[in-house]
Full PDB file with SEQRES, HELIX, SHEET, SSBOND, CRYST1, ORIGX, SCALE, CONECT and MASTER records, all heavy atoms in Angstrom:
SEQRES   1 A   29  ALA GLU ILE GLU SER GLY TYR PRO ALA MET ALA GLU LEU          
SEQRES   2 A   29  PHE ALA ALA ARG GLU ALA ILE LEU THR LEU GLY GLU GLN          
SEQRES   3 A   29  GLY LEU SER                                                  
HELIX    1 AA1 GLU A    2  GLY A    6  1                                   5    
HELIX    2 AA2 PRO A    8  ALA A   15  1                                   8    
HELIX    3 AA3 ARG A   17  LEU A   28  1                                  12    
CRYST1    1.000    1.000    1.000  90.00  90.00  90.00 P 1           1          
ORIGX1      1.000000  0.000000  0.000000        0.00000                         
ORIGX2      0.000000  1.000000  0.000000        0.00000                         
ORIGX3      0.000000  0.000000  1.000000        0.00000                         
SCALE1      1.000000  0.000000  0.000000        0.00000                         
SCALE2      0.000000  1.000000  0.000000        0.00000                         
SCALE3      0.000000  0.000000  1.000000        0.00000                         
ATOM      1  N   ALA A   1     -32.778 -78.165 -64.824  1.00  0.00           N  
ATOM      2  CA  ALA A   1     -32.189 -76.877 -65.192  1.00  0.00           C  
ATOM      3  C   ALA A   1     -30.741 -77.047 -65.641  1.00  0.00           C  
ATOM      4  O   ALA A   1     -30.293 -76.395 -66.593  1.00  0.00           O  
ATOM      5  CB  ALA A   1     -32.269 -75.912 -64.010  1.00  0.00           C  
ATOM      6  N   GLU A   2     -30.010 -77.940 -64.981  1.00  0.00           N  
ATOM      7  CA  GLU A   2     -28.637 -78.222 -65.382  1.00  0.00           C  
ATOM      8  C   GLU A   2     -28.591 -78.828 -66.788  1.00  0.00           C  
ATOM      9  O   GLU A   2     -27.723 -78.486 -67.603  1.00  0.00           O  
ATOM     10  CB  GLU A   2     -27.987 -79.183 -64.378  1.00  0.00           C  
ATOM     11  CG  GLU A   2     -27.712 -78.592 -63.010  1.00  0.00           C  
ATOM     12  CD  GLU A   2     -26.562 -77.596 -63.038  1.00  0.00           C  
ATOM     13  OE1 GLU A   2     -25.686 -77.698 -63.925  1.00  0.00           O  
ATOM     14  OE2 GLU A   2     -26.548 -76.696 -62.169  1.00  0.00           O  
ATOM     15  N   ILE A   3     -29.505 -79.729 -67.068  1.00  0.00           N  
ATOM     16  CA  ILE A   3     -29.560 -80.347 -68.406  1.00  0.00           C  
ATOM     17  C   ILE A   3     -29.885 -79.292 -69.455  1.00  0.00           C  
ATOM     18  O   ILE A   3     -29.270 -79.245 -70.525  1.00  0.00           O  
ATOM     19  CB  ILE A   3     -30.600 -81.478 -68.420  1.00  0.00           C  
ATOM     20  CG1 ILE A   3     -30.119 -82.644 -67.554  1.00  0.00           C  
ATOM     21  CG2 ILE A   3     -30.848 -81.958 -69.857  1.00  0.00           C  
ATOM     22  CD1 ILE A   3     -31.137 -83.754 -67.401  1.00  0.00           C  
ATOM     23  N   GLU A   4     -30.838 -78.426 -69.143  1.00  0.00           N  
ATOM     24  CA  GLU A   4     -31.245 -77.402 -70.109  1.00  0.00           C  
ATOM     25  C   GLU A   4     -30.107 -76.438 -70.426  1.00  0.00           C  
ATOM     26  O   GLU A   4     -29.984 -75.965 -71.561  1.00  0.00           O  
ATOM     27  CB  GLU A   4     -32.454 -76.639 -69.564  1.00  0.00           C  
ATOM     28  CG  GLU A   4     -33.733 -77.475 -69.551  1.00  0.00           C  
ATOM     29  CD  GLU A   4     -34.897 -76.738 -68.911  1.00  0.00           C  
ATOM     30  OE1 GLU A   4     -34.657 -75.646 -68.329  1.00  0.00           O  
ATOM     31  OE2 GLU A   4     -36.031 -77.248 -68.979  1.00  0.00           O  
ATOM     32  N   SER A   5     -29.267 -76.155 -69.438  1.00  0.00           N  
ATOM     33  CA  SER A   5     -28.180 -75.202 -69.677  1.00  0.00           C  
ATOM     34  C   SER A   5     -26.949 -75.846 -70.301  1.00  0.00           C  
ATOM     35  O   SER A   5     -26.214 -75.192 -71.042  1.00  0.00           O  
ATOM     36  CB  SER A   5     -27.777 -74.542 -68.346  1.00  0.00           C  
ATOM     37  OG  SER A   5     -27.271 -75.516 -67.431  1.00  0.00           O  
ATOM     38  N   GLY A   6     -26.733 -77.130 -70.012  1.00  0.00           N  
ATOM     39  CA  GLY A   6     -25.510 -77.773 -70.488  1.00  0.00           C  
ATOM     40  C   GLY A   6     -25.674 -78.739 -71.631  1.00  0.00           C  
ATOM     41  O   GLY A   6     -24.688 -79.083 -72.306  1.00  0.00           O  
ATOM     42  N   TYR A   7     -26.901 -79.165 -71.892  1.00  0.00           N  
ATOM     43  CA  TYR A   7     -27.136 -80.186 -72.923  1.00  0.00           C  
ATOM     44  C   TYR A   7     -28.342 -79.755 -73.775  1.00  0.00           C  
ATOM     45  O   TYR A   7     -29.472 -80.211 -73.577  1.00  0.00           O  
ATOM     46  CB  TYR A   7     -27.381 -81.553 -72.274  1.00  0.00           C  
ATOM     47  CG  TYR A   7     -26.241 -81.985 -71.381  1.00  0.00           C  
ATOM     48  CD1 TYR A   7     -26.262 -81.713 -70.010  1.00  0.00           C  
ATOM     49  CD2 TYR A   7     -25.129 -82.625 -71.917  1.00  0.00           C  
ATOM     50  CE1 TYR A   7     -25.202 -82.080 -69.190  1.00  0.00           C  
ATOM     51  CE2 TYR A   7     -24.067 -83.005 -71.104  1.00  0.00           C  
ATOM     52  CZ  TYR A   7     -24.112 -82.721 -69.744  1.00  0.00           C  
ATOM     53  OH  TYR A   7     -23.056 -83.083 -68.937  1.00  0.00           O  
ATOM     54  N   PRO A   8     -28.102 -78.853 -74.724  1.00  0.00           N  
ATOM     55  CA  PRO A   8     -29.211 -78.250 -75.495  1.00  0.00           C  
ATOM     56  C   PRO A   8     -30.004 -79.241 -76.327  1.00  0.00           C  
ATOM     57  O   PRO A   8     -31.219 -79.072 -76.493  1.00  0.00           O  
ATOM     58  CB  PRO A   8     -28.496 -77.225 -76.384  1.00  0.00           C  
ATOM     59  CG  PRO A   8     -27.064 -77.688 -76.440  1.00  0.00           C  
ATOM     60  CD  PRO A   8     -26.798 -78.311 -75.116  1.00  0.00           C  
ATOM     61  N   ALA A   9     -29.338 -80.254 -76.875  1.00  0.00           N  
ATOM     62  CA  ALA A   9     -30.075 -81.212 -77.706  1.00  0.00           C  
ATOM     63  C   ALA A   9     -31.055 -82.013 -76.862  1.00  0.00           C  
ATOM     64  O   ALA A   9     -32.202 -82.258 -77.273  1.00  0.00           O  
ATOM     65  CB  ALA A   9     -29.103 -82.153 -78.417  1.00  0.00           C  
ATOM     66  N   MET A  10     -30.639 -82.444 -75.677  1.00  0.00           N  
ATOM     67  CA  MET A  10     -31.545 -83.154 -74.781  1.00  0.00           C  
ATOM     68  C   MET A  10     -32.683 -82.243 -74.340  1.00  0.00           C  
ATOM     69  O   MET A  10     -33.852 -82.668 -74.274  1.00  0.00           O  
ATOM     70  CB  MET A  10     -30.782 -83.673 -73.561  1.00  0.00           C  
ATOM     71  CG  MET A  10     -29.827 -84.813 -73.872  1.00  0.00           C  
ATOM     72  SD  MET A  10     -28.856 -85.331 -72.414  1.00  0.00           S  
ATOM     73  CE  MET A  10     -30.163 -85.790 -71.266  1.00  0.00           C  
ATOM     74  N   ALA A  11     -32.368 -80.994 -74.044  1.00  0.00           N  
ATOM     75  CA  ALA A  11     -33.396 -80.046 -73.633  1.00  0.00           C  
ATOM     76  C   ALA A  11     -34.424 -79.845 -74.741  1.00  0.00           C  
ATOM     77  O   ALA A  11     -35.636 -79.777 -74.488  1.00  0.00           O  
ATOM     78  CB  ALA A  11     -32.752 -78.710 -73.256  1.00  0.00           C  
ATOM     79  N   GLU A  12     -33.941 -79.747 -75.970  1.00  0.00           N  
ATOM     80  CA  GLU A  12     -34.867 -79.573 -77.106  1.00  0.00           C  
ATOM     81  C   GLU A  12     -35.774 -80.781 -77.255  1.00  0.00           C  
ATOM     82  O   GLU A  12     -36.969 -80.650 -77.539  1.00  0.00           O  
ATOM     83  CB  GLU A  12     -34.067 -79.348 -78.385  1.00  0.00           C  
ATOM     84  CG  GLU A  12     -34.938 -79.080 -79.603  1.00  0.00           C  
ATOM     85  CD  GLU A  12     -34.137 -78.833 -80.869  1.00  0.00           C  
ATOM     86  OE1 GLU A  12     -32.887 -78.812 -80.797  1.00  0.00           O  
ATOM     87  OE2 GLU A  12     -34.751 -78.681 -81.934  1.00  0.00           O  
ATOM     88  N   LEU A  13     -35.209 -81.978 -77.047  1.00  0.00           N  
ATOM     89  CA  LEU A  13     -36.022 -83.191 -77.155  1.00  0.00           C  
ATOM     90  C   LEU A  13     -37.084 -83.235 -76.066  1.00  0.00           C  
ATOM     91  O   LEU A  13     -38.241 -83.570 -76.331  1.00  0.00           O  
ATOM     92  CB  LEU A  13     -35.130 -84.426 -77.063  1.00  0.00           C  
ATOM     93  CG  LEU A  13     -35.862 -85.781 -77.174  1.00  0.00           C  
ATOM     94  CD1 LEU A  13     -36.527 -85.913 -78.536  1.00  0.00           C  
ATOM     95  CD2 LEU A  13     -34.900 -86.931 -76.936  1.00  0.00           C  
ATOM     96  N   PHE A  14     -36.705 -82.881 -74.827  1.00  0.00           N  
ATOM     97  CA  PHE A  14     -37.690 -82.875 -73.743  1.00  0.00           C  
ATOM     98  C   PHE A  14     -38.818 -81.888 -74.041  1.00  0.00           C  
ATOM     99  O   PHE A  14     -39.989 -82.172 -73.792  1.00  0.00           O  
ATOM    100  CB  PHE A  14     -37.019 -82.499 -72.418  1.00  0.00           C  
ATOM    101  CG  PHE A  14     -36.105 -83.564 -71.879  1.00  0.00           C  
ATOM    102  CD1 PHE A  14     -35.079 -83.228 -70.999  1.00  0.00           C  
ATOM    103  CD2 PHE A  14     -36.241 -84.890 -72.264  1.00  0.00           C  
ATOM    104  CE1 PHE A  14     -34.221 -84.202 -70.501  1.00  0.00           C  
ATOM    105  CE2 PHE A  14     -35.384 -85.867 -71.777  1.00  0.00           C  
ATOM    106  CZ  PHE A  14     -34.379 -85.526 -70.898  1.00  0.00           C  
ATOM    107  N   ALA A  15     -38.469 -80.730 -74.588  1.00  0.00           N  
ATOM    108  CA  ALA A  15     -39.480 -79.711 -74.890  1.00  0.00           C  
ATOM    109  C   ALA A  15     -40.441 -80.172 -75.983  1.00  0.00           C  
ATOM    110  O   ALA A  15     -41.626 -79.822 -75.966  1.00  0.00           O  
ATOM    111  CB  ALA A  15     -38.800 -78.409 -75.300  1.00  0.00           C  
ATOM    112  N   ALA A  16     -39.927 -80.961 -76.924  1.00  0.00           N  
ATOM    113  CA  ALA A  16     -40.752 -81.410 -78.061  1.00  0.00           C  
ATOM    114  C   ALA A  16     -41.324 -82.807 -77.849  1.00  0.00           C  
ATOM    115  O   ALA A  16     -41.931 -83.366 -78.770  1.00  0.00           O  
ATOM    116  CB  ALA A  16     -39.919 -81.381 -79.340  1.00  0.00           C  
ATOM    117  N   ARG A  17     -41.128 -83.366 -76.649  1.00  0.00           N  
ATOM    118  CA  ARG A  17     -41.486 -84.764 -76.409  1.00  0.00           C  
ATOM    119  C   ARG A  17     -42.944 -85.086 -76.763  1.00  0.00           C  
ATOM    120  O   ARG A  17     -43.213 -86.031 -77.501  1.00  0.00           O  
ATOM    121  CB  ARG A  17     -41.236 -85.125 -74.937  1.00  0.00           C  
ATOM    122  CG  ARG A  17     -41.628 -86.552 -74.578  1.00  0.00           C  
ATOM    123  CD  ARG A  17     -41.440 -86.808 -73.105  1.00  0.00           C  
ATOM    124  NE  ARG A  17     -42.231 -85.855 -72.312  1.00  0.00           N  
ATOM    125  CZ  ARG A  17     -42.104 -85.711 -71.001  1.00  0.00           C  
ATOM    126  NH1 ARG A  17     -41.209 -86.420 -70.339  1.00  0.00           N  
ATOM    127  NH2 ARG A  17     -42.865 -84.837 -70.351  1.00  0.00           N  
ATOM    128  N   GLU A  18     -43.880 -84.326 -76.233  1.00  0.00           N  
ATOM    129  CA  GLU A  18     -45.291 -84.642 -76.455  1.00  0.00           C  
ATOM    130  C   GLU A  18     -45.652 -84.556 -77.937  1.00  0.00           C  
ATOM    131  O   GLU A  18     -46.384 -85.405 -78.458  1.00  0.00           O  
ATOM    132  CB  GLU A  18     -46.180 -83.695 -75.639  1.00  0.00           C  
ATOM    133  CG  GLU A  18     -46.062 -83.886 -74.132  1.00  0.00           C  
ATOM    134  CD  GLU A  18     -46.361 -85.313 -73.704  1.00  0.00           C  
ATOM    135  OE1 GLU A  18     -47.254 -85.937 -74.299  1.00  0.00           O  
ATOM    136  OE2 GLU A  18     -45.695 -85.810 -72.780  1.00  0.00           O  
ATOM    137  N   ALA A  19     -45.132 -83.540 -78.620  1.00  0.00           N  
ATOM    138  CA  ALA A  19     -45.421 -83.396 -80.049  1.00  0.00           C  
ATOM    139  C   ALA A  19     -44.839 -84.558 -80.843  1.00  0.00           C  
ATOM    140  O   ALA A  19     -45.483 -85.088 -81.764  1.00  0.00           O  
ATOM    141  CB  ALA A  19     -44.871 -82.071 -80.570  1.00  0.00           C  
ATOM    142  N   ILE A  20     -43.632 -84.985 -80.476  1.00  0.00           N  
ATOM    143  CA  ILE A  20     -42.982 -86.086 -81.190  1.00  0.00           C  
ATOM    144  C   ILE A  20     -43.724 -87.396 -80.955  1.00  0.00           C  
ATOM    145  O   ILE A  20     -43.980 -88.168 -81.890  1.00  0.00           O  
ATOM    146  CB  ILE A  20     -41.504 -86.203 -80.769  1.00  0.00           C  
ATOM    147  CG1 ILE A  20     -40.708 -85.025 -81.324  1.00  0.00           C  
ATOM    148  CG2 ILE A  20     -40.903 -87.517 -81.266  1.00  0.00           C  
ATOM    149  CD1 ILE A  20     -39.270 -84.975 -80.846  1.00  0.00           C  
ATOM    150  N   LEU A  21     -44.106 -87.654 -79.699  1.00  0.00           N  
ATOM    151  CA  LEU A  21     -44.838 -88.889 -79.389  1.00  0.00           C  
ATOM    152  C   LEU A  21     -46.206 -88.899 -80.080  1.00  0.00           C  
ATOM    153  O   LEU A  21     -46.635 -89.931 -80.594  1.00  0.00           O  
ATOM    154  CB  LEU A  21     -45.012 -89.038 -77.879  1.00  0.00           C  
ATOM    155  CG  LEU A  21     -43.755 -89.415 -77.098  1.00  0.00           C  
ATOM    156  CD1 LEU A  21     -44.035 -89.420 -75.601  1.00  0.00           C  
ATOM    157  CD2 LEU A  21     -43.216 -90.780 -77.544  1.00  0.00           C  
ATOM    158  N   THR A  22     -46.861 -87.760 -80.096  1.00  0.00           N  
ATOM    159  CA  THR A  22     -48.171 -87.681 -80.764  1.00  0.00           C  
ATOM    160  C   THR A  22     -48.034 -87.928 -82.257  1.00  0.00           C  
ATOM    161  O   THR A  22     -48.806 -88.690 -82.851  1.00  0.00           O  
ATOM    162  CB  THR A  22     -48.812 -86.307 -80.520  1.00  0.00           C  
ATOM    163  OG1 THR A  22     -49.023 -86.129 -79.118  1.00  0.00           O  
ATOM    164  CG2 THR A  22     -50.149 -86.202 -81.241  1.00  0.00           C  
ATOM    165  N   LEU A  23     -47.040 -87.294 -82.876  1.00  0.00           N  
ATOM    166  CA  LEU A  23     -46.805 -87.477 -84.312  1.00  0.00           C  
ATOM    167  C   LEU A  23     -46.481 -88.935 -84.624  1.00  0.00           C  
ATOM    168  O   LEU A  23     -47.008 -89.511 -85.578  1.00  0.00           O  
ATOM    169  CB  LEU A  23     -45.667 -86.573 -84.760  1.00  0.00           C  
ATOM    170  CG  LEU A  23     -45.306 -86.582 -86.260  1.00  0.00           C  
ATOM    171  CD1 LEU A  23     -46.464 -86.039 -87.085  1.00  0.00           C  
ATOM    172  CD2 LEU A  23     -44.047 -85.749 -86.511  1.00  0.00           C  
ATOM    173  N   GLY A  24     -45.619 -89.545 -83.812  1.00  0.00           N  
ATOM    174  CA  GLY A  24     -45.244 -90.935 -84.048  1.00  0.00           C  
ATOM    175  C   GLY A  24     -46.403 -91.891 -83.865  1.00  0.00           C  
ATOM    176  O   GLY A  24     -46.595 -92.814 -84.668  1.00  0.00           O  
ATOM    177  N   GLU A  25     -47.204 -91.678 -82.820  1.00  0.00           N  
ATOM    178  CA  GLU A  25     -48.343 -92.561 -82.560  1.00  0.00           C  
ATOM    179  C   GLU A  25     -49.402 -92.436 -83.645  1.00  0.00           C  
ATOM    180  O   GLU A  25     -49.964 -93.432 -84.108  1.00  0.00           O  
ATOM    181  CB  GLU A  25     -48.955 -92.245 -81.196  1.00  0.00           C  
ATOM    182  CG  GLU A  25     -50.204 -93.053 -80.866  1.00  0.00           C  
ATOM    183  CD  GLU A  25     -49.958 -94.549 -80.828  1.00  0.00           C  
ATOM    184  OE1 GLU A  25     -48.922 -94.997 -80.303  1.00  0.00           O  
ATOM    185  OE2 GLU A  25     -50.813 -95.296 -81.351  1.00  0.00           O  
ATOM    186  N   GLN A  26     -49.674 -91.221 -84.078  1.00  0.00           N  
ATOM    187  CA  GLN A  26     -50.673 -91.018 -85.125  1.00  0.00           C  
ATOM    188  C   GLN A  26     -50.257 -91.697 -86.430  1.00  0.00           C  
ATOM    189  O   GLN A  26     -51.063 -92.382 -87.067  1.00  0.00           O  
ATOM    190  CB  GLN A  26     -50.890 -89.521 -85.367  1.00  0.00           C  
ATOM    191  CG  GLN A  26     -51.651 -88.824 -84.260  1.00  0.00           C  
ATOM    192  CD  GLN A  26     -51.757 -87.326 -84.482  1.00  0.00           C  
ATOM    193  OE1 GLN A  26     -51.030 -86.733 -85.286  1.00  0.00           O  
ATOM    194  NE2 GLN A  26     -52.666 -86.682 -83.766  1.00  0.00           N  
ATOM    195  N   GLY A  27     -48.985 -91.526 -86.815  1.00  0.00           N  
ATOM    196  CA  GLY A  27     -48.516 -92.137 -88.055  1.00  0.00           C  
ATOM    197  C   GLY A  27     -48.529 -93.646 -87.992  1.00  0.00           C  
ATOM    198  O   GLY A  27     -48.993 -94.318 -88.929  1.00  0.00           O  
ATOM    199  N   LEU A  28     -48.061 -94.211 -86.878  1.00  0.00           N  
ATOM    200  CA  LEU A  28     -48.017 -95.668 -86.743  1.00  0.00           C  
ATOM    201  C   LEU A  28     -49.418 -96.265 -86.660  1.00  0.00           C  
ATOM    202  O   LEU A  28     -49.704 -97.282 -87.300  1.00  0.00           O  
ATOM    203  CB  LEU A  28     -47.202 -96.039 -85.501  1.00  0.00           C  
ATOM    204  CG  LEU A  28     -47.138 -97.531 -85.145  1.00  0.00           C  
ATOM    205  CD1 LEU A  28     -46.654 -98.371 -86.309  1.00  0.00           C  
ATOM    206  CD2 LEU A  28     -46.252 -97.734 -83.920  1.00  0.00           C  
ATOM    207  N   SER A  29     -50.292 -95.653 -85.887  1.00  0.00           N  
ATOM    208  CA  SER A  29     -51.665 -96.162 -85.754  1.00  0.00           C  
ATOM    209  C   SER A  29     -52.379 -96.156 -87.105  1.00  0.00           C  
ATOM    210  O   SER A  29     -53.146 -97.078 -87.420  1.00  0.00           O  
ATOM    211  CB  SER A  29     -52.452 -95.327 -84.743  1.00  0.00           C  
ATOM    212  OG  SER A  29     -51.902 -95.459 -83.454  1.00  0.00           O  
TER     213      SER A  29                                                      
MASTER        0    0    0    3    0    0    0    6  212    1    0    3          
END                                                                             
């Protein structure tokens, strides 16, 4: 919660993590 309130870019990355990993794995594979 502290990260989400004080570090928006990190919070955005955590929220999009699964989508980003899926996109990266699909493209590389």
